[in-house]
PDB file of N, CA and C in Angstrom:
ATOM      1  N   MET A   1     -12.196  -7.791  14.134  1.00  0.00           N
ATOM      2  CA  MET A   1     -12.388  -8.400  12.834  1.00  0.00           C
ATOM      3  C   MET A   1     -12.438  -7.337  11.735  1.00  0.00           C
ATOM      4  N   ILE A   2     -13.047  -6.207  12.048  1.00  0.00           N
ATOM      5  CA  ILE A   2     -13.119  -5.137  11.049  1.00  0.00           C
ATOM      6  C   ILE A   2     -11.716  -4.624  10.730  1.00  0.00           C
ATOM      7  N   ARG A   3     -10.898  -4.473  11.762  1.00  0.00           N
ATOM      8  CA  ARG A   3      -9.522  -4.031  11.551  1.00  0.00           C
ATOM      9  C   ARG A   3      -8.748  -5.046  10.718  1.00  0.00           C
ATOM     10  N   SER A   4      -8.917  -6.329  11.003  1.00  0.00           N
ATOM     11  CA  SER A   4      -8.236  -7.384  10.239  1.00  0.00           C
ATOM     12  C   SER A   4      -8.687  -7.378   8.786  1.00  0.00           C
ATOM     13  N   THR A   5      -9.994  -7.216   8.575  1.00  0.00           N
ATOM     14  CA  THR A   5     -10.521  -7.168   7.211  1.00  0.00           C
ATOM     15  C   THR A   5      -9.948  -5.972   6.454  1.00  0.00           C
ATOM     16  N   ALA A   6      -9.908  -4.814   7.113  1.00  0.00           N
ATOM     17  CA  ALA A   6      -9.360  -3.618   6.469  1.00  0.00           C
ATOM     18  C   ALA A   6      -7.896  -3.817   6.089  1.00  0.00           C
ATOM     19  N   MET A   7      -7.125  -4.446   6.957  1.00  0.00           N
ATOM     20  CA  MET A   7      -5.711  -4.686   6.653  1.00  0.00           C
ATOM     21  C   MET A   7      -5.552  -5.642   5.481  1.00  0.00           C
ATOM     22  N   ILE A   8      -6.371  -6.677   5.429  1.00  0.00           N
ATOM     23  CA  ILE A   8      -6.320  -7.619   4.307  1.00  0.00           C
ATOM     24  C   ILE A   8      -6.650  -6.894   3.009  1.00  0.00           C
ATOM     25  N   LEU A   9      -7.711  -6.101   3.019  1.00  0.00           N
ATOM     26  CA  LEU A   9      -8.098  -5.372   1.815  1.00  0.00           C
ATOM     27  C   LEU A   9      -6.973  -4.440   1.359  1.00  0.00           C
ATOM     28  N   LYS A  10      -6.398  -3.722   2.289  1.00  0.00           N
ATOM     29  CA  LYS A  10      -5.332  -2.778   1.949  1.00  0.00           C
ATOM     30  C   LYS A  10      -4.138  -3.502   1.328  1.00  0.00           C
ATOM     31  N   LYS A  11      -3.789  -4.663   1.864  1.00  0.00           N
ATOM     32  CA  LYS A  11      -2.653  -5.439   1.334  1.00  0.00           C
ATOM     33  C   LYS A  11      -2.935  -5.997  -0.059  1.00  0.00           C
ATOM     34  N   CYS A  12      -4.195  -6.308  -0.342  1.00  0.00           N
ATOM     35  CA  CYS A  12      -4.540  -6.950  -1.612  1.00  0.00           C
ATOM     36  C   CYS A  12      -4.810  -5.962  -2.743  1.00  0.00           C
ATOM     37  N   LEU A  13      -5.093  -4.728  -2.400  1.00  0.00           N
ATOM     38  CA  LEU A  13      -5.399  -3.746  -3.425  1.00  0.00           C
ATOM     39  C   LEU A  13      -4.124  -3.089  -3.938  1.00  0.00           C
ATOM     40  N   ARG A  14      -4.268  -2.415  -5.054  1.00  0.00           N
ATOM     41  CA  ARG A  14      -3.142  -1.712  -5.652  1.00  0.00           C
ATOM     42  C   ARG A  14      -2.879  -0.411  -4.893  1.00  0.00           C
ATOM     43  N   GLU A  15      -1.713   0.147  -5.098  1.00  0.00           N
ATOM     44  CA  GLU A  15      -1.294   1.335  -4.356  1.00  0.00           C
ATOM     45  C   GLU A  15      -2.263   2.511  -4.495  1.00  0.00           C
ATOM     46  N   ASP A  16      -2.816   2.729  -5.684  1.00  0.00           N
ATOM     47  CA  ASP A  16      -3.708   3.867  -5.921  1.00  0.00           C
ATOM     48  C   ASP A  16      -5.170   3.588  -5.598  1.00  0.00           C
ATOM     49  N   ASP A  17      -5.502   2.348  -5.236  1.00  0.00           N
ATOM     50  CA  ASP A  17      -6.876   2.011  -4.895  1.00  0.00           C
ATOM     51  C   ASP A  17      -7.226   2.574  -3.522  1.00  0.00           C
ATOM     52  N   ILE A  18      -8.500   2.792  -3.297  1.00  0.00           N
ATOM     53  CA  ILE A  18      -8.977   3.396  -2.047  1.00  0.00           C
ATOM     54  C   ILE A  18      -9.976   2.442  -1.396  1.00  0.00           C
ATOM     55  N   VAL A  19      -9.831   2.237  -0.091  1.00  0.00           N
ATOM     56  CA  VAL A  19     -10.792   1.429   0.673  1.00  0.00           C
ATOM     57  C   VAL A  19     -11.482   2.337   1.671  1.00  0.00           C
ATOM     58  N   ILE A  20     -12.801   2.231   1.708  1.00  0.00           N
ATOM     59  CA  ILE A  20     -13.609   3.037   2.613  1.00  0.00           C
ATOM     60  C   ILE A  20     -14.516   2.104   3.396  1.00  0.00           C
ATOM     61  N   ARG A  21     -14.610   2.301   4.700  1.00  0.00           N
ATOM     62  CA  ARG A  21     -15.590   1.566   5.496  1.00  0.00           C
ATOM     63  C   ARG A  21     -16.901   2.319   5.384  1.00  0.00           C
ATOM     64  N   MET A  22     -17.898   1.659   4.786  1.00  0.00           N
ATOM     65  CA  MET A  22     -19.197   2.286   4.560  1.00  0.00           C
ATOM     66  C   MET A  22     -20.023   2.332   5.844  1.00  0.00           C
ATOM     67  N   GLY A  23     -19.785   1.399   6.733  1.00  0.00           N
ATOM     68  CA  GLY A  23     -20.541   1.305   7.977  1.00  0.00           C
ATOM     69  C   GLY A  23     -20.659  -0.150   8.353  1.00  0.00           C
ATOM     70  N   GLY A  24     -20.765  -0.410   9.630  1.00  0.00           N
ATOM     71  CA  GLY A  24     -20.861  -1.798  10.077  1.00  0.00           C
ATOM     72  C   GLY A  24     -19.703  -2.600   9.537  1.00  0.00           C
ATOM     73  N   ASP A  25     -20.025  -3.669   8.830  1.00  0.00           N
ATOM     74  CA  ASP A  25     -18.982  -4.525   8.265  1.00  0.00           C
ATOM     75  C   ASP A  25     -18.902  -4.398   6.748  1.00  0.00           C
ATOM     76  N   GLU A  26     -19.358  -3.277   6.215  1.00  0.00           N
ATOM     77  CA  GLU A  26     -19.342  -3.078   4.763  1.00  0.00           C
ATOM     78  C   GLU A  26     -18.229  -2.125   4.357  1.00  0.00           C
ATOM     79  N   PHE A  27     -17.477  -2.554   3.347  1.00  0.00           N
ATOM     80  CA  PHE A  27     -16.384  -1.767   2.811  1.00  0.00           C
ATOM     81  C   PHE A  27     -16.628  -1.482   1.339  1.00  0.00           C
ATOM     82  N   LEU A  28     -16.100  -0.368   0.880  1.00  0.00           N
ATOM     83  CA  LEU A  28     -16.154   0.014  -0.519  1.00  0.00           C
ATOM     84  C   LEU A  28     -14.718   0.198  -0.988  1.00  0.00           C
ATOM     85  N   ALA A  29     -14.382  -0.421  -2.094  1.00  0.00           N
ATOM     86  CA  ALA A  29     -13.065  -0.236  -2.699  1.00  0.00           C
ATOM     87  C   ALA A  29     -13.242   0.491  -4.024  1.00  0.00           C
ATOM     88  N   ILE A  30     -12.520   1.559  -4.199  1.00  0.00           N
ATOM     89  CA  ILE A  30     -12.537   2.300  -5.451  1.00  0.00           C
ATOM     90  C   ILE A  30     -11.276   1.922  -6.209  1.00  0.00           C
ATOM     91  N   LEU A  31     -11.468   1.243  -7.333  1.00  0.00           N
ATOM     92  CA  LEU A  31     -10.361   0.731  -8.134  1.00  0.00           C
ATOM     93  C   LEU A  31     -10.266   1.579  -9.396  1.00  0.00           C
ATOM     94  N   GLN A  32      -9.338   2.487  -9.406  1.00  0.00           N
ATOM     95  CA  GLN A  32      -9.193   3.382 -10.550  1.00  0.00           C
ATOM     96  C   GLN A  32      -8.528   2.654 -11.711  1.00  0.00           C
ATOM     97  N   ASP A  33      -8.918   3.034 -12.924  1.00  0.00           N
ATOM     98  CA  ASP A  33      -8.354   2.420 -14.133  1.00  0.00           C
ATOM     99  C   ASP A  33      -8.385   0.896 -14.036  1.00  0.00           C
ATOM    100  N   CYS A  34      -9.576   0.355 -13.784  1.00  0.00           N
ATOM    101  CA  CYS A  34      -9.723  -1.078 -13.547  1.00  0.00           C
ATOM    102  C   CYS A  34     -10.900  -1.601 -14.358  1.00  0.00           C
ATOM    103  N   ASP A  35     -10.652  -2.641 -15.150  1.00  0.00           N
ATOM    104  CA  ASP A  35     -11.738  -3.265 -15.892  1.00  0.00           C
ATOM    105  C   ASP A  35     -12.260  -4.472 -15.111  1.00  0.00           C
ATOM    106  N   ALA A  36     -13.275  -5.119 -15.640  1.00  0.00           N
ATOM    107  CA  ALA A  36     -13.895  -6.254 -14.938  1.00  0.00           C
ATOM    108  C   ALA A  36     -12.906  -7.393 -14.729  1.00  0.00           C
ATOM    109  N   GLU A  37     -12.031  -7.632 -15.694  1.00  0.00           N
ATOM    110  CA  GLU A  37     -11.046  -8.716 -15.554  1.00  0.00           C
ATOM    111  C   GLU A  37     -10.087  -8.432 -14.395  1.00  0.00           C
ATOM    112  N   MET A  38      -9.571  -7.216 -14.307  1.00  0.00           N
ATOM    113  CA  MET A  38      -8.669  -6.851 -13.218  1.00  0.00           C
ATOM    114  C   MET A  38      -9.393  -6.906 -11.880  1.00  0.00           C
ATOM    115  N   ALA A  39     -10.651  -6.430 -11.842  1.00  0.00           N
ATOM    116  CA  ALA A  39     -11.438  -6.481 -10.604  1.00  0.00           C
ATOM    117  C   ALA A  39     -11.608  -7.927 -10.147  1.00  0.00           C
ATOM    118  N   GLY A  40     -11.828  -8.834 -11.088  1.00  0.00           N
ATOM    119  CA  GLY A  40     -11.940 -10.253 -10.751  1.00  0.00           C
ATOM    120  C   GLY A  40     -10.644 -10.810 -10.183  1.00  0.00           C
ATOM    121  N   MET A  41      -9.514 -10.363 -10.719  1.00  0.00           N
ATOM    122  CA  MET A  41      -8.215 -10.807 -10.204  1.00  0.00           C
ATOM    123  C   MET A  41      -7.977 -10.282  -8.783  1.00  0.00           C
ATOM    124  N   ILE A  42      -8.366  -9.039  -8.554  1.00  0.00           N
ATOM    125  CA  ILE A  42      -8.229  -8.465  -7.209  1.00  0.00           C
ATOM    126  C   ILE A  42      -9.150  -9.185  -6.235  1.00  0.00           C
ATOM    127  N   GLU A  43     -10.361  -9.488  -6.675  1.00  0.00           N
ATOM    128  CA  GLU A  43     -11.292 -10.251  -5.836  1.00  0.00           C
ATOM    129  C   GLU A  43     -10.682 -11.592  -5.453  1.00  0.00           C
ATOM    130  N   GLN A  44     -10.067 -12.267  -6.398  1.00  0.00           N
ATOM    131  CA  GLN A  44      -9.444 -13.562  -6.125  1.00  0.00           C
ATOM    132  C   GLN A  44      -8.297 -13.423  -5.118  1.00  0.00           C
ATOM    133  N   ARG A  45      -7.491 -12.366  -5.252  1.00  0.00           N
ATOM    134  CA  ARG A  45      -6.403 -12.120  -4.285  1.00  0.00           C
ATOM    135  C   ARG A  45      -6.964 -11.944  -2.879  1.00  0.00           C
ATOM    136  N   ILE A  46      -8.072 -11.207  -2.774  1.00  0.00           N
ATOM    137  CA  ILE A  46      -8.689 -10.982  -1.468  1.00  0.00           C
ATOM    138  C   ILE A  46      -9.218 -12.293  -0.901  1.00  0.00           C
ATOM    139  N   ARG A  47      -9.868 -13.098  -1.732  1.00  0.00           N
ATOM    140  CA  ARG A  47     -10.392 -14.397  -1.265  1.00  0.00           C
ATOM    141  C   ARG A  47      -9.265 -15.291  -0.743  1.00  0.00           C
ATOM    142  N   ILE A  48      -8.166 -15.336  -1.458  1.00  0.00           N
ATOM    143  CA  ILE A  48      -7.016 -16.159  -1.041  1.00  0.00           C
ATOM    144  C   ILE A  48      -6.461 -15.654   0.289  1.00  0.00           C
ATOM    145  N   ALA A  49      -6.345 -14.326   0.432  1.00  0.00           N
ATOM    146  CA  ALA A  49      -5.826 -13.750   1.673  1.00  0.00           C
ATOM    147  C   ALA A  49      -6.766 -14.025   2.845  1.00  0.00           C
ATOM    148  N   ILE A  50      -8.067 -13.953   2.614  1.00  0.00           N
ATOM    149  CA  ILE A  50      -9.027 -14.241   3.689  1.00  0.00           C
ATOM    150  C   ILE A  50      -8.999 -15.711   4.059  1.00  0.00           C
ATOM    151  N   ASP A  51      -8.893 -16.591   3.066  1.00  0.00           N
ATOM    152  CA  ASP A  51      -8.772 -18.025   3.362  1.00  0.00           C
ATOM    153  C   ASP A  51      -7.531 -18.302   4.210  1.00  0.00           C
ATOM    154  N   ALA A  52      -6.422 -17.652   3.887  1.00  0.00           N
ATOM    155  CA  ALA A  52      -5.184 -17.831   4.664  1.00  0.00           C
ATOM    156  C   ALA A  52      -5.368 -17.297   6.084  1.00  0.00           C
ATOM    157  N   TYR A  53      -5.994 -16.149   6.217  1.00  0.00           N
ATOM    158  CA  TYR A  53      -6.261 -15.584   7.541  1.00  0.00           C
ATOM    159  C   TYR A  53      -7.137 -16.542   8.353  1.00  0.00           C
ATOM    160  N   ASN A  54      -8.221 -17.021   7.747  1.00  0.00           N
ATOM    161  CA  ASN A  54      -9.133 -17.920   8.449  1.00  0.00           C
ATOM    162  C   ASN A  54      -8.443 -19.224   8.856  1.00  0.00           C
ATOM    163  N   ALA A  55      -7.542 -19.705   8.035  1.00  0.00           N
ATOM    164  CA  ALA A  55      -6.811 -20.935   8.362  1.00  0.00           C
ATOM    165  C   ALA A  55      -5.909 -20.729   9.576  1.00  0.00           C
ATOM    166  N   SER A  56      -5.505 -19.487   9.816  1.00  0.00           N
ATOM    167  CA  SER A  56      -4.604 -19.208  10.943  1.00  0.00           C
ATOM    168  C   SER A  56      -5.357 -18.920  12.242  1.00  0.00           C
ATOM    169  N   ILE A  57      -6.665 -18.835  12.185  1.00  0.00           N
ATOM    170  CA  ILE A  57      -7.494 -18.502  13.354  1.00  0.00           C
ATOM    171  C   ILE A  57      -8.150 -19.774  13.873  1.00  0.00           C
ATOM    172  N   SER A  58      -7.944 -20.061  15.157  1.00  0.00           N
ATOM    173  CA  SER A  58      -8.532 -21.281  15.716  1.00  0.00           C
ATOM    174  C   SER A  58      -9.998 -21.095  16.116  1.00  0.00           C
ATOM    175  N   GLU A  59     -10.388 -19.863  16.486  1.00  0.00           N
ATOM    176  CA  GLU A  59     -11.762 -19.611  16.905  1.00  0.00           C
ATOM    177  C   GLU A  59     -12.647 -19.387  15.670  1.00  0.00           C
ATOM    178  N   ILE A  60     -13.596 -20.279  15.469  1.00  0.00           N
ATOM    179  CA  ILE A  60     -14.467 -20.200  14.296  1.00  0.00           C
ATOM    180  C   ILE A  60     -15.234 -18.887  14.259  1.00  0.00           C
ATOM    181  N   ASP A  61     -15.647 -18.381  15.421  1.00  0.00           N
ATOM    182  CA  ASP A  61     -16.440 -17.156  15.448  1.00  0.00           C
ATOM    183  C   ASP A  61     -15.628 -15.899  15.126  1.00  0.00           C
ATOM    184  N   ARG A  62     -14.314 -16.009  14.968  1.00  0.00           N
ATOM    185  CA  ARG A  62     -13.474 -14.870  14.599  1.00  0.00           C
ATOM    186  C   ARG A  62     -13.060 -14.913  13.131  1.00  0.00           C
ATOM    187  N   ARG A  63     -13.552 -15.898  12.407  1.00  0.00           N
ATOM    188  CA  ARG A  63     -13.211 -16.001  10.990  1.00  0.00           C
ATOM    189  C   ARG A  63     -13.981 -14.972  10.175  1.00  0.00           C
ATOM    190  N   ILE A  64     -13.371 -14.565   9.080  1.00  0.00           N
ATOM    191  CA  ILE A  64     -13.947 -13.538   8.219  1.00  0.00           C
ATOM    192  C   ILE A  64     -14.702 -14.190   7.072  1.00  0.00           C
ATOM    193  N   SER A  65     -15.883 -13.660   6.814  1.00  0.00           N
ATOM    194  CA  SER A  65     -16.674 -14.061   5.664  1.00  0.00           C
ATOM    195  C   SER A  65     -16.846 -12.813   4.807  1.00  0.00           C
ATOM    196  N   ILE A  66     -16.786 -12.975   3.494  1.00  0.00           N
ATOM    197  CA  ILE A  66     -16.843 -11.795   2.633  1.00  0.00           C
ATOM    198  C   ILE A  66     -17.704 -12.078   1.408  1.00  0.00           C
ATOM    199  N   SER A  67     -18.439 -11.070   0.994  1.00  0.00           N
ATOM    200  CA  SER A  67     -19.218 -11.128  -0.238  1.00  0.00           C
ATOM    201  C   SER A  67     -18.801  -9.947  -1.095  1.00  0.00           C
ATOM    202  N   PHE A  68     -18.781 -10.137  -2.400  1.00  0.00           N
ATOM    203  CA  PHE A  68     -18.327  -9.107  -3.321  1.00  0.00           C
ATOM    204  C   PHE A  68     -19.440  -8.689  -4.264  1.00  0.00           C
ATOM    205  N   GLY A  69     -19.363  -7.461  -4.669  1.00  0.00           N
ATOM    206  CA  GLY A  69     -20.163  -6.932  -5.762  1.00  0.00           C
ATOM    207  C   GLY A  69     -19.351  -5.799  -6.342  1.00  0.00           C
ATOM    208  N   PHE A  70     -19.212  -5.768  -7.643  1.00  0.00           N
ATOM    209  CA  PHE A  70     -18.479  -4.644  -8.210  1.00  0.00           C
ATOM    210  C   PHE A  70     -19.131  -4.149  -9.478  1.00  0.00           C
ATOM    211  N   ALA A  71     -18.885  -2.876  -9.745  1.00  0.00           N
ATOM    212  CA  ALA A  71     -19.427  -2.224 -10.930  1.00  0.00           C
ATOM    213  C   ALA A  71     -18.270  -1.540 -11.643  1.00  0.00           C
ATOM    214  N   VAL A  72     -18.301  -1.588 -12.951  1.00  0.00           N
ATOM    215  CA  VAL A  72     -17.256  -0.976 -13.769  1.00  0.00           C
ATOM    216  C   VAL A  72     -17.919   0.044 -14.682  1.00  0.00           C
ATOM    217  N   ALA A  73     -17.301   1.209 -14.776  1.00  0.00           N
ATOM    218  CA  ALA A  73     -17.846   2.252 -15.654  1.00  0.00           C
ATOM    219  C   ALA A  73     -16.721   3.086 -16.226  1.00  0.00           C
ATOM    220  N   LYS A  74     -16.966   3.602 -17.397  1.00  0.00           N
ATOM    221  CA  LYS A  74     -16.047   4.566 -17.983  1.00  0.00           C
ATOM    222  C   LYS A  74     -16.197   5.878 -17.212  1.00  0.00           C
ATOM    223  N   SER A  75     -15.323   6.813 -17.428  1.00  0.00           N
ATOM    224  CA  SER A  75     -15.207   8.011 -16.593  1.00  0.00           C
ATOM    225  C   SER A  75     -16.527   8.723 -16.279  1.00  0.00           C
ATOM    226  N   ASP A  76     -17.392   8.938 -17.248  1.00  0.00           N
ATOM    227  CA  ASP A  76     -18.626   9.680 -16.960  1.00  0.00           C
ATOM    228  C   ASP A  76     -19.890   8.889 -17.278  1.00  0.00           C
ATOM    229  N   GLU A  77     -19.750   7.581 -17.360  1.00  0.00           N
ATOM    230  CA  GLU A  77     -20.877   6.728 -17.726  1.00  0.00           C
ATOM    231  C   GLU A  77     -21.945   6.663 -16.628  1.00  0.00           C
ATOM    232  N   LEU A  78     -21.526   6.516 -15.383  1.00  0.00           N
ATOM    233  CA  LEU A  78     -22.436   6.435 -14.239  1.00  0.00           C
ATOM    234  C   LEU A  78     -21.940   7.381 -13.150  1.00  0.00           C
ATOM    235  N   THR A  79     -22.853   7.817 -12.304  1.00  0.00           N
ATOM    236  CA  THR A  79     -22.445   8.619 -11.151  1.00  0.00           C
ATOM    237  C   THR A  79     -21.860   7.689 -10.087  1.00  0.00           C
ATOM    238  N   ILE A  80     -21.179   8.272  -9.124  1.00  0.00           N
ATOM    239  CA  ILE A  80     -20.645   7.489  -8.007  1.00  0.00           C
ATOM    240  C   ILE A  80     -21.780   6.755  -7.301  1.00  0.00           C
ATOM    241  N   GLU A  81     -22.882   7.440  -7.085  1.00  0.00           N
ATOM    242  CA  GLU A  81     -24.028   6.826  -6.401  1.00  0.00           C
ATOM    243  C   GLU A  81     -24.565   5.630  -7.177  1.00  0.00           C
ATOM    244  N   GLN A  82     -24.642   5.745  -8.513  1.00  0.00           N
ATOM    245  CA  GLN A  82     -25.119   4.637  -9.343  1.00  0.00           C
ATOM    246  C   GLN A  82     -24.153   3.459  -9.295  1.00  0.00           C
ATOM    247  N   LEU A  83     -22.852   3.741  -9.310  1.00  0.00           N
ATOM    248  CA  LEU A  83     -21.866   2.664  -9.217  1.00  0.00           C
ATOM    249  C   LEU A  83     -21.977   1.930  -7.886  1.00  0.00           C
ATOM    250  N   ILE A  84     -22.099   2.683  -6.801  1.00  0.00           N
ATOM    251  CA  ILE A  84     -22.228   2.066  -5.481  1.00  0.00           C
ATOM    252  C   ILE A  84     -23.505   1.247  -5.404  1.00  0.00           C
ATOM    253  N   GLN A  85     -24.603   1.782  -5.915  1.00  0.00           N
ATOM    254  CA  GLN A  85     -25.881   1.063  -5.903  1.00  0.00           C
ATOM    255  C   GLN A  85     -25.785  -0.242  -6.701  1.00  0.00           C
ATOM    256  N   LYS A  86     -25.153  -0.186  -7.867  1.00  0.00           N
ATOM    257  CA  LYS A  86     -24.997  -1.382  -8.701  1.00  0.00           C
ATOM    258  C   LYS A  86     -24.127  -2.429  -8.003  1.00  0.00           C
ATOM    259  N   ALA A  87     -23.015  -1.996  -7.437  1.00  0.00           N
ATOM    260  CA  ALA A  87     -22.124  -2.926  -6.733  1.00  0.00           C
ATOM    261  C   ALA A  87     -22.817  -3.520  -5.519  1.00  0.00           C
ATOM    262  N   ASP A  88     -23.566  -2.706  -4.788  1.00  0.00           N
ATOM    263  CA  ASP A  88     -24.280  -3.171  -3.601  1.00  0.00           C
ATOM    264  C   ASP A  88     -25.318  -4.224  -3.971  1.00  0.00           C
ATOM    265  N   MET A  89     -26.048  -3.987  -5.057  1.00  0.00           N
ATOM    266  CA  MET A  89     -27.050  -4.942  -5.515  1.00  0.00           C
ATOM    267  C   MET A  89     -26.385  -6.284  -5.867  1.00  0.00           C
ATOM    268  N   LEU A  90     -25.259  -6.225  -6.569  1.00  0.00           N
ATOM    269  CA  LEU A  90     -24.553  -7.462  -6.936  1.00  0.00           C
ATOM    270  C   LEU A  90     -24.011  -8.177  -5.706  1.00  0.00           C
ATOM    271  N   MET A  91     -23.543  -7.422  -4.710  1.00  0.00           N
ATOM    272  CA  MET A  91     -23.052  -8.040  -3.486  1.00  0.00           C
ATOM    273  C   MET A  91     -24.172  -8.828  -2.805  1.00  0.00           C
ATOM    274  N   TYR A  92     -25.357  -8.236  -2.700  1.00  0.00           N
ATOM    275  CA  TYR A  92     -26.467  -8.935  -2.056  1.00  0.00           C
ATOM    276  C   TYR A  92     -26.926 -10.143  -2.871  1.00  0.00           C
ATOM    277  N   GLN A  93     -26.852 -10.062  -4.184  1.00  0.00           N
ATOM    278  CA  GLN A  93     -27.153 -11.223  -5.017  1.00  0.00           C
ATOM    279  C   GLN A  93     -26.135 -12.341  -4.751  1.00  0.00           C
ATOM    280  N   ASN A  94     -24.862 -11.980  -4.653  1.00  0.00           N
ATOM    281  CA  ASN A  94     -23.824 -12.968  -4.366  1.00  0.00           C
ATOM    282  C   ASN A  94     -24.001 -13.584  -2.983  1.00  0.00           C
ATOM    283  N   LYS A  95     -24.399 -12.779  -1.999  1.00  0.00           N
ATOM    284  CA  LYS A  95     -24.663 -13.309  -0.660  1.00  0.00           C
ATOM    285  C   LYS A  95     -25.768 -14.355  -0.711  1.00  0.00           C
ATOM    286  N   ALA A  96     -26.833 -14.067  -1.449  1.00  0.00           N
ATOM    287  CA  ALA A  96     -27.954 -15.005  -1.573  1.00  0.00           C
ATOM    288  C   ALA A  96     -27.520 -16.297  -2.233  1.00  0.00           C
ATOM    289  N   ILE A  97     -26.705 -16.191  -3.267  1.00  0.00           N
ATOM    290  CA  ILE A  97     -26.206 -17.379  -3.963  1.00  0.00           C
ATOM    291  C   ILE A  97     -25.331 -18.213  -3.015  1.00  0.00           C
ATOM    292  N   ASN A  98     -24.452 -17.539  -2.275  1.00  0.00           N
ATOM    293  CA  ASN A  98     -23.569 -18.256  -1.347  1.00  0.00           C
ATOM    294  C   ASN A  98     -24.354 -18.954  -0.249  1.00  0.00           C
ATOM    295  N   ARG A  99     -25.405 -18.310   0.259  1.00  0.00           N
ATOM    296  CA  ARG A  99     -26.228 -18.951   1.299  1.00  0.00           C
ATOM    297  C   ARG A  99     -26.934 -20.183   0.738  1.00  0.00           C
ATOM    298  N   ALA A 100     -27.343 -20.120  -0.505  1.00  0.00           N
ATOM    299  CA  ALA A 100     -28.043 -21.254  -1.127  1.00  0.00           C
ATOM    300  C   ALA A 100     -27.111 -22.462  -1.299  1.00  0.00           C
ATOM    301  N   HIS A 101     -25.803 -22.210  -1.415  1.00  0.00           N
ATOM    302  CA  HIS A 101     -24.838 -23.296  -1.601  1.00  0.00           C
ATOM    303  C   HIS A 101     -24.292 -23.825  -0.281  1.00  0.00           C
ATOM    304  N   GLU A 102     -24.660 -23.211   0.842  1.00  0.00           N
ATOM    305  CA  GLU A 102     -24.156 -23.674   2.136  1.00  0.00           C
ATOM    306  C   GLU A 102     -24.965 -24.818   2.676  1.00  0.00           C
TER     307      GLU A 102
END
């Protein structure tokens, strides 16, 4: 599943974007020259690709679930660590919201 998720992310991101596996099932995407609107469009592309992947899988326990959090900053506004921390916090907030709607 991790390999499938990585392939989906790679296909949905732009050529210059970078995907890193942070550990376990957590990935970090570095989107250079990207504003919040573009990040939202990329997020939507990933959601559509995951929905298509899940529709093609008959085993429910092999389906992919994903939560997003992203942070946008100008070149020297925040450190890498601050950006990751901000995105991580938003991801966990989104996970909580999604669980509440299930």
